[in-house]
PDB file of N, CA and C in Angstrom:
ATOM      1  N   UNK A   1       0.840  -1.182   0.000  1.00  0.00           N
ATOM      2  CA  UNK A   1       0.000   0.000   0.000  1.00  0.00           C
ATOM      3  C   UNK A   1       0.884   1.243   0.000  1.00  0.00           C
ATOM      4  N   UNK A   2       0.592   2.179  -0.886  1.00  0.00           N
ATOM      5  CA  UNK A   2       1.342   3.421  -0.985  1.00  0.00           C
ATOM      6  C   UNK A   2       1.002   4.320   0.205  1.00  0.00           C
ATOM      7  N   UNK A   3       2.036   4.886   0.810  1.00  0.00           N
ATOM      8  CA  UNK A   3       1.781   5.836   1.885  1.00  0.00           C
ATOM      9  C   UNK A   3       1.199   7.115   1.299  1.00  0.00           C
ATOM     10  N   UNK A   4       0.189   7.610   1.950  1.00  0.00           N
ATOM     11  CA  UNK A   4      -0.501   8.795   1.464  1.00  0.00           C
ATOM     12  C   UNK A   4      -0.064  10.017   2.264  1.00  0.00           C
ATOM     13  N   UNK A   5       0.098  11.123   1.593  1.00  0.00           N
ATOM     14  CA  UNK A   5       0.413  12.381   2.266  1.00  0.00           C
ATOM     15  C   UNK A   5      -0.892  13.101   2.600  1.00  0.00           C
ATOM     16  N   UNK A   6      -0.793  14.132   3.453  1.00  0.00           N
ATOM     17  CA  UNK A   6      -1.991  14.922   3.745  1.00  0.00           C
ATOM     18  C   UNK A   6      -2.497  15.600   2.479  1.00  0.00           C
ATOM     19  N   UNK A   7      -1.580  15.986   1.585  1.00  0.00           N
ATOM     20  CA  UNK A   7      -1.998  16.592   0.318  1.00  0.00           C
ATOM     21  C   UNK A   7      -2.794  15.590  -0.514  1.00  0.00           C
ATOM     22  N   UNK A   8      -2.340  14.321  -0.531  1.00  0.00           N
ATOM     23  CA  UNK A   8      -3.086  13.271  -1.239  1.00  0.00           C
ATOM     24  C   UNK A   8      -4.484  13.123  -0.639  1.00  0.00           C
ATOM     25  N   UNK A   9      -4.556  13.152   0.680  1.00  0.00           N
ATOM     26  CA  UNK A   9      -5.840  13.011   1.358  1.00  0.00           C
ATOM     27  C   UNK A   9      -6.773  14.166   1.008  1.00  0.00           C
ATOM     28  N   UNK A  10      -6.238  15.378   0.990  1.00  0.00           N
ATOM     29  CA  UNK A  10      -7.056  16.534   0.606  1.00  0.00           C
ATOM     30  C   UNK A  10      -7.604  16.352  -0.806  1.00  0.00           C
ATOM     31  N   UNK A  11      -6.790  15.812  -1.706  1.00  0.00           N
ATOM     32  CA  UNK A  11      -7.248  15.549  -3.061  1.00  0.00           C
ATOM     33  C   UNK A  11      -8.392  14.555  -3.086  1.00  0.00           C
ATOM     34  N   UNK A  12      -8.290  13.516  -2.265  1.00  0.00           N
ATOM     35  CA  UNK A  12      -9.379  12.534  -2.185  1.00  0.00           C
ATOM     36  C   UNK A  12     -10.657  13.159  -1.648  1.00  0.00           C
ATOM     37  N   UNK A  13     -10.520  14.004  -0.654  1.00  0.00           N
ATOM     38  CA  UNK A  13     -11.699  14.673  -0.085  1.00  0.00           C
ATOM     39  C   UNK A  13     -12.387  15.499  -1.162  1.00  0.00           C
ATOM     40  N   UNK A  14     -11.600  16.183  -1.980  1.00  0.00           N
ATOM     41  CA  UNK A  14     -12.186  16.985  -3.058  1.00  0.00           C
ATOM     42  C   UNK A  14     -12.930  16.120  -4.074  1.00  0.00           C
ATOM     43  N   UNK A  15     -12.545  14.858  -4.210  1.00  0.00           N
ATOM     44  CA  UNK A  15     -13.175  13.949  -5.173  1.00  0.00           C
ATOM     45  C   UNK A  15     -14.368  13.186  -4.601  1.00  0.00           C
ATOM     46  N   UNK A  16     -14.618  13.315  -3.300  1.00  0.00           N
ATOM     47  CA  UNK A  16     -15.729  12.569  -2.692  1.00  0.00           C
ATOM     48  C   UNK A  16     -17.059  12.933  -3.334  1.00  0.00           C
ATOM     49  N   UNK A  17     -17.863  11.936  -3.640  1.00  0.00           N
ATOM     50  CA  UNK A  17     -19.227  12.256  -4.077  1.00  0.00           C
ATOM     51  C   UNK A  17     -19.994  12.861  -2.901  1.00  0.00           C
ATOM     52  N   UNK A  18     -20.950  13.693  -3.209  1.00  0.00           N
ATOM     53  CA  UNK A  18     -21.687  14.396  -2.159  1.00  0.00           C
ATOM     54  C   UNK A  18     -22.293  13.444  -1.138  1.00  0.00           C
ATOM     55  N   UNK A  19     -22.753  12.274  -1.580  1.00  0.00           N
ATOM     56  CA  UNK A  19     -23.411  11.361  -0.650  1.00  0.00           C
ATOM     57  C   UNK A  19     -22.430  10.575   0.217  1.00  0.00           C
ATOM     58  N   UNK A  20     -21.126  10.780   0.023  1.00  0.00           N
ATOM     59  CA  UNK A  20     -20.128  10.081   0.828  1.00  0.00           C
ATOM     60  C   UNK A  20     -19.462  10.990   1.857  1.00  0.00           C
ATOM     61  N   UNK A  21     -19.748  12.271   1.802  1.00  0.00           N
ATOM     62  CA  UNK A  21     -19.076  13.233   2.678  1.00  0.00           C
ATOM     63  C   UNK A  21     -19.362  12.948   4.148  1.00  0.00           C
ATOM     64  N   UNK A  22     -20.618  12.720   4.500  1.00  0.00           N
ATOM     65  CA  UNK A  22     -20.956  12.496   5.911  1.00  0.00           C
ATOM     66  C   UNK A  22     -20.254  11.255   6.460  1.00  0.00           C
ATOM     67  N   UNK A  23     -20.244  10.166   5.704  1.00  0.00           N
ATOM     68  CA  UNK A  23     -19.593   8.943   6.164  1.00  0.00           C
ATOM     69  C   UNK A  23     -18.096   9.126   6.333  1.00  0.00           C
ATOM     70  N   UNK A  24     -17.468   9.793   5.379  1.00  0.00           N
ATOM     71  CA  UNK A  24     -16.030  10.033   5.462  1.00  0.00           C
ATOM     72  C   UNK A  24     -15.715  10.947   6.647  1.00  0.00           C
ATOM     73  N   UNK A  25     -16.527  11.972   6.833  1.00  0.00           N
ATOM     74  CA  UNK A  25     -16.316  12.898   7.947  1.00  0.00           C
ATOM     75  C   UNK A  25     -16.468  12.186   9.282  1.00  0.00           C
ATOM     76  N   UNK A  26     -17.465  11.315   9.379  1.00  0.00           N
ATOM     77  CA  UNK A  26     -17.689  10.557  10.609  1.00  0.00           C
ATOM     78  C   UNK A  26     -16.455   9.715  10.938  1.00  0.00           C
ATOM     79  N   UNK A  27     -15.954   8.989   9.937  1.00  0.00           N
ATOM     80  CA  UNK A  27     -14.777   8.148  10.157  1.00  0.00           C
ATOM     81  C   UNK A  27     -13.552   8.992  10.522  1.00  0.00           C
ATOM     82  N   UNK A  28     -13.290  10.045   9.777  1.00  0.00           N
ATOM     83  CA  UNK A  28     -12.110  10.873  10.051  1.00  0.00           C
ATOM     84  C   UNK A  28     -12.190  11.544  11.419  1.00  0.00           C
ATOM     85  N   UNK A  29     -13.372  11.996  11.785  1.00  0.00           N
ATOM     86  CA  UNK A  29     -13.528  12.616  13.105  1.00  0.00           C
ATOM     87  C   UNK A  29     -13.252  11.606  14.210  1.00  0.00           C
ATOM     88  N   UNK A  30     -13.749  10.382  14.059  1.00  0.00           N
ATOM     89  CA  UNK A  30     -13.489   9.340  15.054  1.00  0.00           C
ATOM     90  C   UNK A  30     -11.997   9.023  15.123  1.00  0.00           C
ATOM     91  N   UNK A  31     -11.327   9.024  13.986  1.00  0.00           N
ATOM     92  CA  UNK A  31      -9.892   8.769  13.943  1.00  0.00           C
ATOM     93  C   UNK A  31      -9.129   9.868  14.680  1.00  0.00           C
ATOM     94  N   UNK A  32      -9.481  11.112  14.393  1.00  0.00           N
ATOM     95  CA  UNK A  32      -8.815  12.253  15.027  1.00  0.00           C
ATOM     96  C   UNK A  32      -9.055  12.267  16.534  1.00  0.00           C
ATOM     97  N   UNK A  33     -10.260  11.910  16.966  1.00  0.00           N
ATOM     98  CA  UNK A  33     -10.624  11.942  18.393  1.00  0.00           C
ATOM     99  C   UNK A  33     -10.115  10.717  19.157  1.00  0.00           C
ATOM    100  N   UNK A  34      -9.490   9.776  18.445  1.00  0.00           N
ATOM    101  CA  UNK A  34      -8.932   8.602  19.101  1.00  0.00           C
ATOM    102  C   UNK A  34      -9.899   7.453  19.255  1.00  0.00           C
ATOM    103  N   UNK A  35     -11.096   7.553  18.664  1.00  0.00           N
ATOM    104  CA  UNK A  35     -12.078   6.473  18.769  1.00  0.00           C
ATOM    105  C   UNK A  35     -11.755   5.329  17.808  1.00  0.00           C
ATOM    106  N   UNK A  36     -10.923   5.582  16.814  1.00  0.00           N
ATOM    107  CA  UNK A  36     -10.446   4.556  15.898  1.00  0.00           C
ATOM    108  C   UNK A  36      -8.928   4.506  16.049  1.00  0.00           C
ATOM    109  N   UNK A  37      -8.408   3.337  16.324  1.00  0.00           N
ATOM    110  CA  UNK A  37      -6.968   3.150  16.499  1.00  0.00           C
ATOM    111  C   UNK A  37      -6.285   3.248  15.137  1.00  0.00           C
ATOM    112  N   UNK A  38      -5.389   4.212  14.937  1.00  0.00           N
ATOM    113  CA  UNK A  38      -4.708   4.349  13.647  1.00  0.00           C
ATOM    114  C   UNK A  38      -3.965   3.078  13.240  1.00  0.00           C
ATOM    115  N   UNK A  39      -3.529   2.293  14.209  1.00  0.00           N
ATOM    116  CA  UNK A  39      -2.839   1.044  13.896  1.00  0.00           C
ATOM    117  C   UNK A  39      -3.794  -0.007  13.329  1.00  0.00           C
ATOM    118  N   UNK A  40      -5.091   0.246  13.428  1.00  0.00           N
ATOM    119  CA  UNK A  40      -6.092  -0.677  12.903  1.00  0.00           C
ATOM    120  C   UNK A  40      -6.710  -0.163  11.601  1.00  0.00           C
ATOM    121  N   UNK A  41      -6.186   0.918  11.063  1.00  0.00           N
ATOM    122  CA  UNK A  41      -6.759   1.514   9.847  1.00  0.00           C
ATOM    123  C   UNK A  41      -6.644   0.595   8.637  1.00  0.00           C
ATOM    124  N   UNK A  42      -5.750  -0.383   8.696  1.00  0.00           N
ATOM    125  CA  UNK A  42      -5.591  -1.320   7.573  1.00  0.00           C
ATOM    126  C   UNK A  42      -6.890  -2.022   7.238  1.00  0.00           C
ATOM    127  N   UNK A  43      -7.771  -2.169   8.213  1.00  0.00           N
ATOM    128  CA  UNK A  43      -9.023  -2.890   7.955  1.00  0.00           C
ATOM    129  C   UNK A  43      -9.893  -2.139   6.944  1.00  0.00           C
ATOM    130  N   UNK A  44      -9.614  -0.861   6.719  1.00  0.00           N
ATOM    131  CA  UNK A  44     -10.402  -0.073   5.781  1.00  0.00           C
ATOM    132  C   UNK A  44      -9.800  -0.063   4.381  1.00  0.00           C
ATOM    133  N   UNK A  45      -8.684  -0.781   4.170  1.00  0.00           N
ATOM    134  CA  UNK A  45      -8.108  -0.841   2.831  1.00  0.00           C
ATOM    135  C   UNK A  45      -9.022  -1.655   1.921  1.00  0.00           C
ATOM    136  N   UNK A  46      -8.919  -1.421   0.626  1.00  0.00           N
ATOM    137  CA  UNK A  46      -9.775  -2.122  -0.340  1.00  0.00           C
ATOM    138  C   UNK A  46      -9.606  -3.632  -0.217  1.00  0.00           C
ATOM    139  N   UNK A  47      -8.368  -4.094  -0.053  1.00  0.00           N
ATOM    140  CA  UNK A  47      -8.109  -5.533   0.052  1.00  0.00           C
ATOM    141  C   UNK A  47      -8.844  -6.142   1.242  1.00  0.00           C
ATOM    142  N   UNK A  48      -8.739  -5.504   2.395  1.00  0.00           N
ATOM    143  CA  UNK A  48      -9.374  -6.062   3.589  1.00  0.00           C
ATOM    144  C   UNK A  48     -10.889  -5.928   3.534  1.00  0.00           C
ATOM    145  N   UNK A  49     -11.396  -4.858   2.952  1.00  0.00           N
ATOM    146  CA  UNK A  49     -12.845  -4.719   2.821  1.00  0.00           C
ATOM    147  C   UNK A  49     -13.405  -5.793   1.890  1.00  0.00           C
ATOM    148  N   UNK A  50     -12.660  -6.120   0.825  1.00  0.00           N
ATOM    149  CA  UNK A  50     -13.089  -7.191  -0.083  1.00  0.00           C
ATOM    150  C   UNK A  50     -13.115  -8.532   0.645  1.00  0.00           C
ATOM    151  N   UNK A  51     -12.077  -8.811   1.433  1.00  0.00           N
ATOM    152  CA  UNK A  51     -12.029 -10.067   2.181  1.00  0.00           C
ATOM    153  C   UNK A  51     -13.136 -10.125   3.224  1.00  0.00           C
ATOM    154  N   UNK A  52     -13.398  -9.019   3.880  1.00  0.00           N
ATOM    155  CA  UNK A  52     -14.475  -8.971   4.864  1.00  0.00           C
ATOM    156  C   UNK A  52     -15.825  -9.228   4.193  1.00  0.00           C
ATOM    157  N   UNK A  53     -16.047  -8.603   3.038  1.00  0.00           N
ATOM    158  CA  UNK A  53     -17.292  -8.821   2.301  1.00  0.00           C
ATOM    159  C   UNK A  53     -17.462 -10.281   1.910  1.00  0.00           C
ATOM    160  N   UNK A  54     -16.379 -10.899   1.482  1.00  0.00           N
ATOM    161  CA  UNK A  54     -16.413 -12.315   1.112  1.00  0.00           C
ATOM    162  C   UNK A  54     -16.751 -13.176   2.328  1.00  0.00           C
ATOM    163  N   UNK A  55     -16.157 -12.853   3.455  1.00  0.00           N
ATOM    164  CA  UNK A  55     -16.432 -13.605   4.683  1.00  0.00           C
ATOM    165  C   UNK A  55     -17.889 -13.449   5.119  1.00  0.00           C
ATOM    166  N   UNK A  56     -18.394 -12.242   5.032  1.00  0.00           N
ATOM    167  CA  UNK A  56     -19.789 -12.008   5.410  1.00  0.00           C
ATOM    168  C   UNK A  56     -20.746 -12.742   4.472  1.00  0.00           C
ATOM    169  N   UNK A  57     -20.390 -12.825   3.176  1.00  0.00           N
ATOM    170  CA  UNK A  57     -21.211 -13.576   2.219  1.00  0.00           C
ATOM    171  C   UNK A  57     -21.202 -15.058   2.577  1.00  0.00           C
ATOM    172  N   UNK A  58     -20.040 -15.587   2.980  1.00  0.00           N
ATOM    173  CA  UNK A  58     -19.972 -16.986   3.407  1.00  0.00           C
ATOM    174  C   UNK A  58     -20.859 -17.227   4.621  1.00  0.00           C
ATOM    175  N   UNK A  59     -20.817 -16.321   5.577  1.00  0.00           N
ATOM    176  CA  UNK A  59     -21.668 -16.458   6.761  1.00  0.00           C
ATOM    177  C   UNK A  59     -23.147 -16.454   6.378  1.00  0.00           C
ATOM    178  N   UNK A  60     -23.531 -15.516   5.531  1.00  0.00           N
ATOM    179  CA  UNK A  60     -24.929 -15.395   5.125  1.00  0.00           C
ATOM    180  C   UNK A  60     -25.406 -16.636   4.375  1.00  0.00           C
ATOM    181  N   UNK A  61     -24.503 -17.263   3.624  1.00  0.00           N
ATOM    182  CA  UNK A  61     -24.867 -18.453   2.843  1.00  0.00           C
ATOM    183  C   UNK A  61     -24.727 -19.741   3.642  1.00  0.00           C
ATOM    184  N   UNK A  62     -24.310 -19.618   4.900  1.00  0.00           N
ATOM    185  CA  UNK A  62     -24.182 -20.805   5.741  1.00  0.00           C
ATOM    186  C   UNK A  62     -22.930 -21.626   5.482  1.00  0.00           C
ATOM    187  N   UNK A  63     -21.960 -21.043   4.807  1.00  0.00           N
ATOM    188  CA  UNK A  63     -20.712 -21.759   4.529  1.00  0.00           C
ATOM    189  C   UNK A  63     -19.749 -21.580   5.709  1.00  0.00           C
ATOM    190  N   UNK A  64     -20.115 -22.176   6.832  1.00  0.00           N
ATOM    191  CA  UNK A  64     -19.313 -22.075   8.053  1.00  0.00           C
ATOM    192  C   UNK A  64     -19.240 -23.436   8.732  1.00  0.00           C
ATOM    193  N   UNK A  65     -18.335 -23.563   9.666  1.00  0.00           N
ATOM    194  CA  UNK A  65     -18.230 -24.744  10.505  1.00  0.00           C
ATOM    195  C   UNK A  65     -18.047 -24.278  11.942  1.00  0.00           C
ATOM    196  N   UNK A  66     -18.546 -25.067  12.860  1.00  0.00           N
ATOM    197  CA  UNK A  66     -18.362 -24.796  14.291  1.00  0.00           C
ATOM    198  C   UNK A  66     -17.657 -25.985  14.926  1.00  0.00           C
ATOM    199  N   UNK A  67     -16.849 -25.701  15.912  1.00  0.00           N
ATOM    200  CA  UNK A  67     -16.097 -26.741  16.609  1.00  0.00           C
ATOM    201  C   UNK A  67     -16.263 -26.550  18.102  1.00  0.00           C
ATOM    202  N   UNK A  68     -16.418 -27.651  18.807  1.00  0.00           N
ATOM    203  CA  UNK A  68     -16.597 -27.600  20.256  1.00  0.00           C
ATOM    204  C   UNK A  68     -15.279 -27.474  20.999  1.00  0.00           C
ATOM    205  N   UNK A  69     -14.227 -27.984  20.391  1.00  0.00           N
ATOM    206  CA  UNK A  69     -12.931 -27.960  21.051  1.00  0.00           C
ATOM    207  C   UNK A  69     -11.838 -27.588  20.051  1.00  0.00           C
ATOM    208  N   UNK A  70     -10.720 -27.176  20.586  1.00  0.00           N
ATOM    209  CA  UNK A  70      -9.558 -26.897  19.759  1.00  0.00           C
ATOM    210  C   UNK A  70      -9.073 -28.132  19.039  1.00  0.00           C
ATOM    211  N   UNK A  71      -9.160 -29.266  19.710  1.00  0.00           N
ATOM    212  CA  UNK A  71      -8.727 -30.526  19.107  1.00  0.00           C
ATOM    213  C   UNK A  71      -9.611 -30.872  17.913  1.00  0.00           C
ATOM    214  N   UNK A  72     -10.917 -30.654  18.061  1.00  0.00           N
ATOM    215  CA  UNK A  72     -11.856 -30.922  16.973  1.00  0.00           C
ATOM    216  C   UNK A  72     -11.516 -30.032  15.764  1.00  0.00           C
ATOM    217  N   UNK A  73     -11.207 -28.769  16.031  1.00  0.00           N
ATOM    218  CA  UNK A  73     -10.808 -27.847  14.959  1.00  0.00           C
ATOM    219  C   UNK A  73      -9.544 -28.344  14.268  1.00  0.00           C
ATOM    220  N   UNK A  74      -8.532 -28.686  15.049  1.00  0.00           N
ATOM    221  CA  UNK A  74      -7.273 -29.139  14.468  1.00  0.00           C
ATOM    222  C   UNK A  74      -7.459 -30.403  13.644  1.00  0.00           C
ATOM    223  N   UNK A  75      -8.320 -31.286  14.094  1.00  0.00           N
ATOM    224  CA  UNK A  75      -8.577 -32.525  13.353  1.00  0.00           C
ATOM    225  C   UNK A  75      -9.223 -32.246  11.998  1.00  0.00           C
ATOM    226  N   UNK A  76      -9.932 -31.131  11.871  1.00  0.00           N
ATOM    227  CA  UNK A  76     -10.598 -30.804  10.619  1.00  0.00           C
ATOM    228  C   UNK A  76      -9.644 -30.267   9.568  1.00  0.00           C
ATOM    229  N   UNK A  77      -8.480 -29.846  10.005  1.00  0.00           N
ATOM    230  CA  UNK A  77      -7.520 -29.284   9.068  1.00  0.00           C
ATOM    231  C   UNK A  77      -6.894 -30.362   8.294  1.00  0.00           C
TER     232      UNK A  77
END
């Protein structure tokens, strides 16, 4: 992932569609106020959002397994 400068960020803000401004502002304000850990910002990258979406689709479709014990889980591998 390319490191972004504040100037790059300002450019992105200028490109935001009008209906995305409130959501972006909410997230950035939480980040600035310390409600979002900057070390956890990776979860908002496109790659991680795609993986999260895929995982949520698997859950919704019932493509999951449950295990009662760690040994049971290991045996399934």
